Amino acid sequence: MPKVLMYSTAVCPFCVRAEQLLKRKGVTEIEKVRVDLEPERREEMMQKTGRRTVPQVYIGATHVGGCDELYELDRQGKLDSLLAA
């Protein structure tokens, strides 16, 4: 299973929903980058993704996007194959 990286904050309901979906899909380890605790990492996130909202999810080298994009991938049946890569 590829590494999963999530840029998040402490009080973000979308981050919680994204994490819940990933765990339901069998992801046991999510590397979380707390941009509220490490403001310089928000700059890094914005440079990499062009976005300032959280969560921003990477599965392996693939930038999935935020919570809505993650759920949309699942609806399209593409999330499982991305996680299985």
Foldseek 3Di string as FASTA:
>chain_A
DFAKEWEEADPDVQQVLQVVVVVVLPDPDYHYHHCVVVVVVLVVVCVVPVDNDDTFMDGHNDTQGTSVSQVVCVVVVNNNVSNVD
